[in-house]
Amino acid sequence: LRSYLRTGMQFSELEVELPAPGIEVTPLSAGAAAVLLRSIG
């Protein structure tokens, strides 16, 4: 497997321009931060 990875593995590259994702960060409320992990437990 290591030999194949070094010499025999073939793959293709596809170049595509992807739109920049819209990322919004919303902080947890104090209450949510207090109970989130506790509720999973």
PDB file of all heavy atoms in Angstrom:
ATOM      1  N   LEU A   1       0.830  -1.204   0.000  1.00  0.00           N
ATOM      2  CA  LEU A   1       0.000   0.000   0.000  1.00  0.00           C
ATOM      3  C   LEU A   1       0.870   1.261   0.000  1.00  0.00           C
ATOM      4  O   LEU A   1       0.614   2.211  -0.752  1.00  0.00           O
ATOM      5  CB  LEU A   1      -0.921  -0.006   1.225  1.00  0.00           C
ATOM      6  CG  LEU A   1      -1.841   1.205   1.384  1.00  0.00           C
ATOM      7  CD1 LEU A   1      -2.747   1.358   0.171  1.00  0.00           C
ATOM      8  CD2 LEU A   1      -2.657   1.090   2.658  1.00  0.00           C
ATOM      9  N   ARG A   2       1.939   1.243   0.800  1.00  0.00           N
ATOM     10  CA  ARG A   2       2.824   2.410   0.835  1.00  0.00           C
ATOM     11  C   ARG A   2       3.517   2.618  -0.508  1.00  0.00           C
ATOM     12  O   ARG A   2       3.694   3.746  -0.973  1.00  0.00           O
ATOM     13  CB  ARG A   2       3.840   2.251   1.961  1.00  0.00           C
ATOM     14  CG  ARG A   2       3.248   2.466   3.363  1.00  0.00           C
ATOM     15  CD  ARG A   2       4.341   2.506   4.425  1.00  0.00           C
ATOM     16  NE  ARG A   2       5.001   1.214   4.584  1.00  0.00           N
ATOM     17  CZ  ARG A   2       4.558   0.252   5.386  1.00  0.00           C
ATOM     18  NH1 ARG A   2       3.450   0.432   6.093  1.00  0.00           N
ATOM     19  NH2 ARG A   2       5.216  -0.885   5.480  1.00  0.00           N
ATOM     20  N   SER A   3       3.891   1.519  -1.155  1.00  0.00           N
ATOM     21  CA  SER A   3       4.524   1.613  -2.474  1.00  0.00           C
ATOM     22  C   SER A   3       3.546   2.183  -3.498  1.00  0.00           C
ATOM     23  O   SER A   3       3.906   3.023  -4.334  1.00  0.00           O
ATOM     24  CB  SER A   3       5.002   0.230  -2.913  1.00  0.00           C
ATOM     25  OG  SER A   3       5.510   0.262  -4.231  1.00  0.00           O
ATOM     26  N   TYR A   4       2.304   1.747  -3.407  1.00  0.00           N
ATOM     27  CA  TYR A   4       1.271   2.238  -4.327  1.00  0.00           C
ATOM     28  C   TYR A   4       1.028   3.733  -4.120  1.00  0.00           C
ATOM     29  O   TYR A   4       0.884   4.493  -5.088  1.00  0.00           O
ATOM     30  CB  TYR A   4      -0.015   1.438  -4.089  1.00  0.00           C
ATOM     31  CG  TYR A   4      -1.224   1.971  -4.825  1.00  0.00           C
ATOM     32  CD1 TYR A   4      -1.311   1.900  -6.220  1.00  0.00           C
ATOM     33  CD2 TYR A   4      -2.283   2.522  -4.128  1.00  0.00           C
ATOM     34  CE1 TYR A   4      -2.420   2.379  -6.901  1.00  0.00           C
ATOM     35  CE2 TYR A   4      -3.403   3.011  -4.793  1.00  0.00           C
ATOM     36  CZ  TYR A   4      -3.466   2.928  -6.180  1.00  0.00           C
ATOM     37  OH  TYR A   4      -4.554   3.403  -6.849  1.00  0.00           O
ATOM     38  N   LEU A   5       1.028   4.158  -2.881  1.00  0.00           N
ATOM     39  CA  LEU A   5       0.820   5.576  -2.594  1.00  0.00           C
ATOM     40  C   LEU A   5       1.948   6.430  -3.165  1.00  0.00           C
ATOM     41  O   LEU A   5       1.739   7.553  -3.618  1.00  0.00           O
ATOM     42  CB  LEU A   5       0.700   5.795  -1.084  1.00  0.00           C
ATOM     43  CG  LEU A   5      -0.572   5.267  -0.414  1.00  0.00           C
ATOM     44  CD1 LEU A   5      -0.463   5.386   1.106  1.00  0.00           C
ATOM     45  CD2 LEU A   5      -1.792   6.046  -0.896  1.00  0.00           C
ATOM     46  N   ARG A   6       3.180   5.871  -3.137  1.00  0.00           N
ATOM     47  CA  ARG A   6       4.337   6.635  -3.612  1.00  0.00           C
ATOM     48  C   ARG A   6       4.424   6.662  -5.140  1.00  0.00           C
ATOM     49  O   ARG A   6       4.817   7.660  -5.730  1.00  0.00           O
ATOM     50  CB  ARG A   6       5.632   6.043  -3.049  1.00  0.00           C
ATOM     51  CG  ARG A   6       5.861   6.314  -1.562  1.00  0.00           C
ATOM     52  CD  ARG A   6       7.294   5.961  -1.180  1.00  0.00           C
ATOM     53  NE  ARG A   6       7.604   4.557  -1.467  1.00  0.00           N
ATOM     54  CZ  ARG A   6       7.453   3.562  -0.600  1.00  0.00           C
ATOM     55  NH1 ARG A   6       6.979   3.831   0.626  1.00  0.00           N
ATOM     56  NH2 ARG A   6       7.763   2.325  -0.928  1.00  0.00           N
ATOM     57  N   THR A   7       4.069   5.548  -5.784  1.00  0.00           N
ATOM     58  CA  THR A   7       4.380   5.441  -7.220  1.00  0.00           C
ATOM     59  C   THR A   7       3.192   5.155  -8.127  1.00  0.00           C
ATOM     60  O   THR A   7       3.212   5.523  -9.299  1.00  0.00           O
ATOM     61  CB  THR A   7       5.406   4.314  -7.429  1.00  0.00           C
ATOM     62  OG1 THR A   7       4.833   3.070  -6.991  1.00  0.00           O
ATOM     63  CG2 THR A   7       6.675   4.584  -6.646  1.00  0.00           C
ATOM     64  N   GLY A   8       2.187   4.497  -7.627  1.00  0.00           N
ATOM     65  CA  GLY A   8       1.144   4.019  -8.547  1.00  0.00           C
ATOM     66  C   GLY A   8      -0.209   4.679  -8.411  1.00  0.00           C
ATOM     67  O   GLY A   8      -1.101   4.454  -9.234  1.00  0.00           O
ATOM     68  N   MET A   9      -0.395   5.496  -7.404  1.00  0.00           N
ATOM     69  CA  MET A   9      -1.717   6.075  -7.174  1.00  0.00           C
ATOM     70  C   MET A   9      -2.000   7.181  -8.175  1.00  0.00           C
ATOM     71  O   MET A   9      -1.191   8.095  -8.353  1.00  0.00           O
ATOM     72  CB  MET A   9      -1.798   6.629  -5.744  1.00  0.00           C
ATOM     73  CG  MET A   9      -3.176   7.087  -5.353  1.00  0.00           C
ATOM     74  SD  MET A   9      -3.224   7.531  -3.588  1.00  0.00           S
ATOM     75  CE  MET A   9      -4.942   7.988  -3.440  1.00  0.00           C
ATOM     76  N   GLN A  10      -3.123   7.082  -8.864  1.00  0.00           N
ATOM     77  CA  GLN A  10      -3.504   8.080  -9.851  1.00  0.00           C
ATOM     78  C   GLN A  10      -4.722   8.854  -9.361  1.00  0.00           C
ATOM     79  O   GLN A  10      -5.596   8.293  -8.711  1.00  0.00           O
ATOM     80  CB  GLN A  10      -3.825   7.414 -11.193  1.00  0.00           C
ATOM     81  CG  GLN A  10      -2.647   6.665 -11.794  1.00  0.00           C
ATOM     82  CD  GLN A  10      -2.993   6.012 -13.119  1.00  0.00           C
ATOM     83  OE1 GLN A  10      -4.098   6.151 -13.613  1.00  0.00           O
ATOM     84  NE2 GLN A  10      -2.021   5.305 -13.683  1.00  0.00           N
ATOM     85  N   PHE A  11      -4.762  10.110  -9.690  1.00  0.00           N
ATOM     86  CA  PHE A  11      -5.904  10.936  -9.308  1.00  0.00           C
ATOM     87  C   PHE A  11      -6.019  12.101 -10.270  1.00  0.00           C
ATOM     88  O   PHE A  11      -5.090  12.396 -11.038  1.00  0.00           O
ATOM     89  CB  PHE A  11      -5.747  11.447  -7.865  1.00  0.00           C
ATOM     90  CG  PHE A  11      -4.531  12.291  -7.635  1.00  0.00           C
ATOM     91  CD1 PHE A  11      -4.588  13.673  -7.799  1.00  0.00           C
ATOM     92  CD2 PHE A  11      -3.319  11.711  -7.277  1.00  0.00           C
ATOM     93  CE1 PHE A  11      -3.456  14.456  -7.600  1.00  0.00           C
ATOM     94  CE2 PHE A  11      -2.188  12.483  -7.075  1.00  0.00           C
ATOM     95  CZ  PHE A  11      -2.249  13.860  -7.239  1.00  0.00           C
ATOM     96  N   SER A  12      -7.162  12.730 -10.272  1.00  0.00           N
ATOM     97  CA  SER A  12      -7.418  13.885 -11.139  1.00  0.00           C
ATOM     98  C   SER A  12      -7.696  15.106 -10.283  1.00  0.00           C
ATOM     99  O   SER A  12      -8.204  14.987  -9.160  1.00  0.00           O
ATOM    100  CB  SER A  12      -8.618  13.607 -12.057  1.00  0.00           C
ATOM    101  OG  SER A  12      -8.387  12.477 -12.870  1.00  0.00           O
ATOM    102  N   GLU A  13      -7.375  16.236 -10.824  1.00  0.00           N
ATOM    103  CA  GLU A  13      -7.678  17.494 -10.149  1.00  0.00           C
ATOM    104  C   GLU A  13      -8.704  18.263 -10.974  1.00  0.00           C
ATOM    105  O   GLU A  13      -8.581  18.361 -12.201  1.00  0.00           O
ATOM    106  CB  GLU A  13      -6.416  18.347  -9.993  1.00  0.00           C
ATOM    107  CG  GLU A  13      -5.421  17.796  -8.984  1.00  0.00           C
ATOM    108  CD  GLU A  13      -4.257  18.750  -8.768  1.00  0.00           C
ATOM    109  OE1 GLU A  13      -4.252  19.827  -9.410  1.00  0.00           O
ATOM    110  OE2 GLU A  13      -3.365  18.424  -7.972  1.00  0.00           O
ATOM    111  N   LEU A  14      -9.681  18.777 -10.309  1.00  0.00           N
ATOM    112  CA  LEU A  14     -10.709  19.572 -10.966  1.00  0.00           C
ATOM    113  C   LEU A  14     -10.687  20.964 -10.359  1.00  0.00           C
ATOM    114  O   LEU A  14     -10.917  21.131  -9.161  1.00  0.00           O
ATOM    115  CB  LEU A  14     -12.097  18.940 -10.761  1.00  0.00           C
ATOM    116  CG  LEU A  14     -13.286  19.683 -11.378  1.00  0.00           C
ATOM    117  CD1 LEU A  14     -13.149  19.748 -12.903  1.00  0.00           C
ATOM    118  CD2 LEU A  14     -14.598  19.016 -10.985  1.00  0.00           C
ATOM    119  N   GLU A  15     -10.374  21.937 -11.181  1.00  0.00           N
ATOM    120  CA  GLU A  15     -10.299  23.307 -10.694  1.00  0.00           C
ATOM    121  C   GLU A  15     -11.639  23.997 -10.909  1.00  0.00           C
ATOM    122  O   GLU A  15     -12.102  24.141 -12.052  1.00  0.00           O
ATOM    123  CB  GLU A  15      -9.187  24.069 -11.412  1.00  0.00           C
ATOM    124  CG  GLU A  15      -7.789  23.534 -11.113  1.00  0.00           C
ATOM    125  CD  GLU A  15      -6.702  24.381 -11.754  1.00  0.00           C
ATOM    126  OE1 GLU A  15      -7.044  25.409 -12.383  1.00  0.00           O
ATOM    127  OE2 GLU A  15      -5.522  24.007 -11.632  1.00  0.00           O
ATOM    128  N   VAL A  16     -12.259  24.394  -9.822  1.00  0.00           N
ATOM    129  CA  VAL A  16     -13.566  25.036  -9.874  1.00  0.00           C
ATOM    130  C   VAL A  16     -13.545  26.242  -8.955  1.00  0.00           C
ATOM    131  O   VAL A  16     -13.044  26.161  -7.824  1.00  0.00           O
ATOM    132  CB  VAL A  16     -14.695  24.070  -9.432  1.00  0.00           C
ATOM    133  CG1 VAL A  16     -16.046  24.778  -9.469  1.00  0.00           C
ATOM    134  CG2 VAL A  16     -14.717  22.841 -10.321  1.00  0.00           C
ATOM    135  N   GLU A  17     -14.063  27.326  -9.439  1.00  0.00           N
ATOM    136  CA  GLU A  17     -14.177  28.497  -8.575  1.00  0.00           C
ATOM    137  C   GLU A  17     -15.473  28.405  -7.780  1.00  0.00           C
ATOM    138  O   GLU A  17     -16.566  28.428  -8.338  1.00  0.00           O
ATOM    139  CB  GLU A  17     -14.183  29.784  -9.427  1.00  0.00           C
ATOM    140  CG  GLU A  17     -12.804  30.191  -9.898  1.00  0.00           C
ATOM    141  CD  GLU A  17     -12.784  31.622 -10.421  1.00  0.00           C
ATOM    142  OE1 GLU A  17     -13.628  32.423  -9.984  1.00  0.00           O
ATOM    143  OE2 GLU A  17     -11.931  31.899 -11.267  1.00  0.00           O
ATOM    144  N   LEU A  18     -15.334  28.273  -6.495  1.00  0.00           N
ATOM    145  CA  LEU A  18     -16.503  28.159  -5.625  1.00  0.00           C
ATOM    146  C   LEU A  18     -16.832  29.514  -5.028  1.00  0.00           C
ATOM    147  O   LEU A  18     -15.931  30.274  -4.656  1.00  0.00           O
ATOM    148  CB  LEU A  18     -16.233  27.150  -4.500  1.00  0.00           C
ATOM    149  CG  LEU A  18     -15.958  25.712  -4.944  1.00  0.00           C
ATOM    150  CD1 LEU A  18     -15.589  24.851  -3.739  1.00  0.00           C
ATOM    151  CD2 LEU A  18     -17.171  25.124  -5.654  1.00  0.00           C
ATOM    152  N   PRO A  19     -18.105  29.824  -4.916  1.00  0.00           N
ATOM    153  CA  PRO A  19     -18.474  31.104  -4.292  1.00  0.00           C
ATOM    154  C   PRO A  19     -18.096  31.107  -2.816  1.00  0.00           C
ATOM    155  O   PRO A  19     -18.115  30.060  -2.149  1.00  0.00           O
ATOM    156  CB  PRO A  19     -19.991  31.162  -4.473  1.00  0.00           C
ATOM    157  CG  PRO A  19     -20.420  29.729  -4.618  1.00  0.00           C
ATOM    158  CD  PRO A  19     -19.292  29.036  -5.319  1.00  0.00           C
ATOM    159  N   ALA A  20     -17.720  32.259  -2.339  1.00  0.00           N
ATOM    160  CA  ALA A  20     -17.370  32.371  -0.922  1.00  0.00           C
ATOM    161  C   ALA A  20     -18.617  32.115  -0.076  1.00  0.00           C
ATOM    162  O   ALA A  20     -19.658  32.740  -0.297  1.00  0.00           O
ATOM    163  CB  ALA A  20     -16.815  33.759  -0.632  1.00  0.00           C
ATOM    164  N   PRO A  21     -18.552  31.172   0.864  1.00  0.00           N
ATOM    165  CA  PRO A  21     -19.738  30.865   1.679  1.00  0.00           C
ATOM    166  C   PRO A  21     -20.037  32.002   2.650  1.00  0.00           C
ATOM    167  O   PRO A  21     -19.133  32.682   3.140  1.00  0.00           O
ATOM    168  CB  PRO A  21     -19.324  29.598   2.429  1.00  0.00           C
ATOM    169  CG  PRO A  21     -17.833  29.698   2.526  1.00  0.00           C
ATOM    170  CD  PRO A  21     -17.385  30.365   1.249  1.00  0.00           C
ATOM    171  N   GLY A  22     -21.316  32.182   2.898  1.00  0.00           N
ATOM    172  CA  GLY A  22     -21.710  33.161   3.906  1.00  0.00           C
ATOM    173  C   GLY A  22     -21.693  32.527   5.278  1.00  0.00           C
ATOM    174  O   GLY A  22     -22.417  31.566   5.546  1.00  0.00           O
ATOM    175  N   ILE A  23     -20.836  32.992   6.133  1.00  0.00           N
ATOM    176  CA  ILE A  23     -20.687  32.411   7.463  1.00  0.00           C
ATOM    177  C   ILE A  23     -21.100  33.435   8.507  1.00  0.00           C
ATOM    178  O   ILE A  23     -20.614  34.571   8.507  1.00  0.00           O
ATOM    179  CB  ILE A  23     -19.231  31.968   7.720  1.00  0.00           C
ATOM    180  CG1 ILE A  23     -18.825  30.916   6.686  1.00  0.00           C
ATOM    181  CG2 ILE A  23     -19.075  31.428   9.138  1.00  0.00           C
ATOM    182  CD1 ILE A  23     -17.371  30.498   6.783  1.00  0.00           C
ATOM    183  N   GLU A  24     -21.996  33.024   9.357  1.00  0.00           N
ATOM    184  CA  GLU A  24     -22.447  33.906  10.426  1.00  0.00           C
ATOM    185  C   GLU A  24     -22.207  33.221  11.766  1.00  0.00           C
ATOM    186  O   GLU A  24     -22.635  32.077  11.962  1.00  0.00           O
ATOM    187  CB  GLU A  24     -23.935  34.232  10.259  1.00  0.00           C
ATOM    188  CG  GLU A  24     -24.482  35.164  11.340  1.00  0.00           C
ATOM    189  CD  GLU A  24     -25.957  35.463  11.147  1.00  0.00           C
ATOM    190  OE1 GLU A  24     -26.511  35.073  10.100  1.00  0.00           O
ATOM    191  OE2 GLU A  24     -26.559  36.069  12.057  1.00  0.00           O
ATOM    192  N   VAL A  25     -21.528  33.874  12.646  1.00  0.00           N
ATOM    193  CA  VAL A  25     -21.236  33.324  13.973  1.00  0.00           C
ATOM    194  C   VAL A  25     -22.181  33.968  14.980  1.00  0.00           C
ATOM    195  O   VAL A  25     -22.224  35.192  15.112  1.00  0.00           O
ATOM    196  CB  VAL A  25     -19.773  33.593  14.378  1.00  0.00           C
ATOM    197  CG1 VAL A  25     -19.519  33.062  15.787  1.00  0.00           C
ATOM    198  CG2 VAL A  25     -18.822  32.960  13.373  1.00  0.00           C
ATOM    199  N   THR A  26     -22.941  33.130  15.651  1.00  0.00           N
ATOM    200  CA  THR A  26     -23.877  33.613  16.661  1.00  0.00           C
ATOM    201  C   THR A  26     -23.464  33.053  18.011  1.00  0.00           C
ATOM    202  O   THR A  26     -23.458  31.826  18.194  1.00  0.00           O
ATOM    203  CB  THR A  26     -25.316  33.166  16.346  1.00  0.00           C
ATOM    204  OG1 THR A  26     -25.670  33.618  15.035  1.00  0.00           O
ATOM    205  CG2 THR A  26     -26.291  33.721  17.364  1.00  0.00           C
ATOM    206  N   PRO A  27     -23.094  33.880  18.943  1.00  0.00           N
ATOM    207  CA  PRO A  27     -22.681  33.357  20.259  1.00  0.00           C
ATOM    208  C   PRO A  27     -23.856  32.741  21.006  1.00  0.00           C
ATOM    209  O   PRO A  27     -25.006  33.166  20.852  1.00  0.00           O
ATOM    210  CB  PRO A  27     -22.161  34.608  20.983  1.00  0.00           C
ATOM    211  CG  PRO A  27     -22.850  35.748  20.310  1.00  0.00           C
ATOM    212  CD  PRO A  27     -23.026  35.352  18.877  1.00  0.00           C
ATOM    213  N   LEU A  28     -23.562  31.704  21.769  1.00  0.00           N
ATOM    214  CA  LEU A  28     -24.581  31.096  22.620  1.00  0.00           C
ATOM    215  C   LEU A  28     -25.005  32.074  23.705  1.00  0.00           C
ATOM    216  O   LEU A  28     -24.203  32.878  24.187  1.00  0.00           O
ATOM    217  CB  LEU A  28     -24.036  29.830  23.290  1.00  0.00           C
ATOM    218  CG  LEU A  28     -23.740  28.621  22.402  1.00  0.00           C
ATOM    219  CD1 LEU A  28     -23.071  27.536  23.236  1.00  0.00           C
ATOM    220  CD2 LEU A  28     -25.008  28.087  21.779  1.00  0.00           C
ATOM    221  N   SER A  29     -26.259  31.971  24.097  1.00  0.00           N
ATOM    222  CA  SER A  29     -26.687  32.731  25.265  1.00  0.00           C
ATOM    223  C   SER A  29     -26.010  32.142  26.498  1.00  0.00           C
ATOM    224  O   SER A  29     -25.504  31.010  26.465  1.00  0.00           O
ATOM    225  CB  SER A  29     -28.207  32.643  25.420  1.00  0.00           C
ATOM    226  OG  SER A  29     -28.596  31.314  25.753  1.00  0.00           O
ATOM    227  N   ALA A  30     -26.009  32.893  27.563  1.00  0.00           N
ATOM    228  CA  ALA A  30     -25.397  32.397  28.809  1.00  0.00           C
ATOM    229  C   ALA A  30     -26.085  31.117  29.264  1.00  0.00           C
ATOM    230  O   ALA A  30     -25.448  30.167  29.739  1.00  0.00           O
ATOM    231  CB  ALA A  30     -25.477  33.470  29.891  1.00  0.00           C
ATOM    232  N   GLY A  31     -27.400  31.067  29.098  1.00  0.00           N
ATOM    233  CA  GLY A  31     -28.145  29.874  29.501  1.00  0.00           C
ATOM    234  C   GLY A  31     -27.805  28.670  28.646  1.00  0.00           C
ATOM    235  O   GLY A  31     -27.595  27.566  29.157  1.00  0.00           O
ATOM    236  N   ALA A  32     -27.730  28.884  27.322  1.00  0.00           N
ATOM    237  CA  ALA A  32     -27.408  27.780  26.423  1.00  0.00           C
ATOM    238  C   ALA A  32     -26.015  27.236  26.711  1.00  0.00           C
ATOM    239  O   ALA A  32     -25.797  26.024  26.727  1.00  0.00           O
ATOM    240  CB  ALA A  32     -27.513  28.247  24.975  1.00  0.00           C
ATOM    241  N   ALA A  33     -25.064  28.120  26.947  1.00  0.00           N
ATOM    242  CA  ALA A  33     -23.711  27.683  27.286  1.00  0.00           C
ATOM    243  C   ALA A  33     -23.693  26.874  28.572  1.00  0.00           C
ATOM    244  O   ALA A  33     -22.891  25.957  28.744  1.00  0.00           O
ATOM    245  CB  ALA A  33     -22.792  28.900  27.408  1.00  0.00           C
ATOM    246  N   ALA A  34     -24.613  27.189  29.468  1.00  0.00           N
ATOM    247  CA  ALA A  34     -24.642  26.514  30.765  1.00  0.00           C
ATOM    248  C   ALA A  34     -25.233  25.110  30.691  1.00  0.00           C
ATOM    249  O   ALA A  34     -24.900  24.260  31.520  1.00  0.00           O
ATOM    250  CB  ALA A  34     -25.446  27.358  31.765  1.00  0.00           C
ATOM    251  N   VAL A  35     -26.109  24.851  29.699  1.00  0.00           N
ATOM    252  CA  VAL A  35     -26.823  23.568  29.708  1.00  0.00           C
ATOM    253  C   VAL A  35     -26.486  22.651  28.535  1.00  0.00           C
ATOM    254  O   VAL A  35     -26.846  21.472  28.571  1.00  0.00           O
ATOM    255  CB  VAL A  35     -28.354  23.793  29.724  1.00  0.00           C
ATOM    256  CG1 VAL A  35     -28.761  24.612  30.942  1.00  0.00           C
ATOM    257  CG2 VAL A  35     -28.840  24.447  28.433  1.00  0.00           C
ATOM    258  N   LEU A  36     -25.821  23.163  27.500  1.00  0.00           N
ATOM    259  CA  LEU A  36     -25.641  22.372  26.285  1.00  0.00           C
ATOM    260  C   LEU A  36     -24.968  21.027  26.564  1.00  0.00           C
ATOM    261  O   LEU A  36     -25.530  19.963  26.295  1.00  0.00           O
ATOM    262  CB  LEU A  36     -24.823  23.168  25.268  1.00  0.00           C
ATOM    263  CG  LEU A  36     -24.471  22.431  23.967  1.00  0.00           C
ATOM    264  CD1 LEU A  36     -25.731  21.988  23.238  1.00  0.00           C
ATOM    265  CD2 LEU A  36     -23.620  23.316  23.072  1.00  0.00           C
ATOM    266  N   LEU A  37     -23.769  21.042  27.101  1.00  0.00           N
ATOM    267  CA  LEU A  37     -23.039  19.794  27.341  1.00  0.00           C
ATOM    268  C   LEU A  37     -23.711  18.958  28.419  1.00  0.00           C
ATOM    269  O   LEU A  37     -23.689  17.725  28.374  1.00  0.00           O
ATOM    270  CB  LEU A  37     -21.594  20.098  27.713  1.00  0.00           C
ATOM    271  CG  LEU A  37     -20.745  20.742  26.613  1.00  0.00           C
ATOM    272  CD1 LEU A  37     -19.328  20.989  27.106  1.00  0.00           C
ATOM    273  CD2 LEU A  37     -20.723  19.868  25.362  1.00  0.00           C
ATOM    274  N   ARG A  38     -24.299  19.632  29.399  1.00  0.00           N
ATOM    275  CA  ARG A  38     -24.980  18.914  30.480  1.00  0.00           C
ATOM    276  C   ARG A  38     -26.139  18.090  29.935  1.00  0.00           C
ATOM    277  O   ARG A  38     -26.384  16.961  30.363  1.00  0.00           O
ATOM    278  CB  ARG A  38     -25.474  19.917  31.522  1.00  0.00           C
ATOM    279  CG  ARG A  38     -25.534  19.399  32.947  1.00  0.00           C
ATOM    280  CD  ARG A  38     -24.160  19.011  33.448  1.00  0.00           C
ATOM    281  NE  ARG A  38     -24.172  18.644  34.849  1.00  0.00           N
ATOM    282  CZ  ARG A  38     -23.155  18.106  35.474  1.00  0.00           C
ATOM    283  NH1 ARG A  38     -22.047  17.861  34.818  1.00  0.00           N
ATOM    284  NH2 ARG A  38     -23.213  17.794  36.757  1.00  0.00           N
ATOM    285  N   SER A  39     -26.871  18.658  28.987  1.00  0.00           N
ATOM    286  CA  SER A  39     -28.031  17.953  28.446  1.00  0.00           C
ATOM    287  C   SER A  39     -27.601  16.745  27.612  1.00  0.00           C
ATOM    288  O   SER A  39     -28.285  15.719  27.598  1.00  0.00           O
ATOM    289  CB  SER A  39     -28.877  18.902  27.599  1.00  0.00           C
ATOM    290  OG  SER A  39     -28.206  19.276  26.413  1.00  0.00           O
ATOM    291  N   ILE A  40     -26.454  16.851  26.938  1.00  0.00           N
ATOM    292  CA  ILE A  40     -25.939  15.701  26.185  1.00  0.00           C
ATOM    293  C   ILE A  40     -25.579  14.572  27.146  1.00  0.00           C
ATOM    294  O   ILE A  40     -25.879  13.399  26.900  1.00  0.00           O
ATOM    295  CB  ILE A  40     -24.723  16.114  25.347  1.00  0.00           C
ATOM    296  CG1 ILE A  40     -25.145  17.120  24.275  1.00  0.00           C
ATOM    297  CG2 ILE A  40     -24.063  14.896  24.701  1.00  0.00           C
ATOM    298  CD1 ILE A  40     -23.985  17.701  23.494  1.00  0.00           C
ATOM    299  N   GLY A  41     -24.938  14.923  28.257  1.00  0.00           N
ATOM    300  CA  GLY A  41     -24.604  13.914  29.260  1.00  0.00           C
ATOM    301  C   GLY A  41     -25.836  13.244  29.819  1.00  0.00           C
ATOM    302  O   GLY A  41     -25.866  12.023  30.032  1.00  0.00           O
TER     303      GLY A  41
END
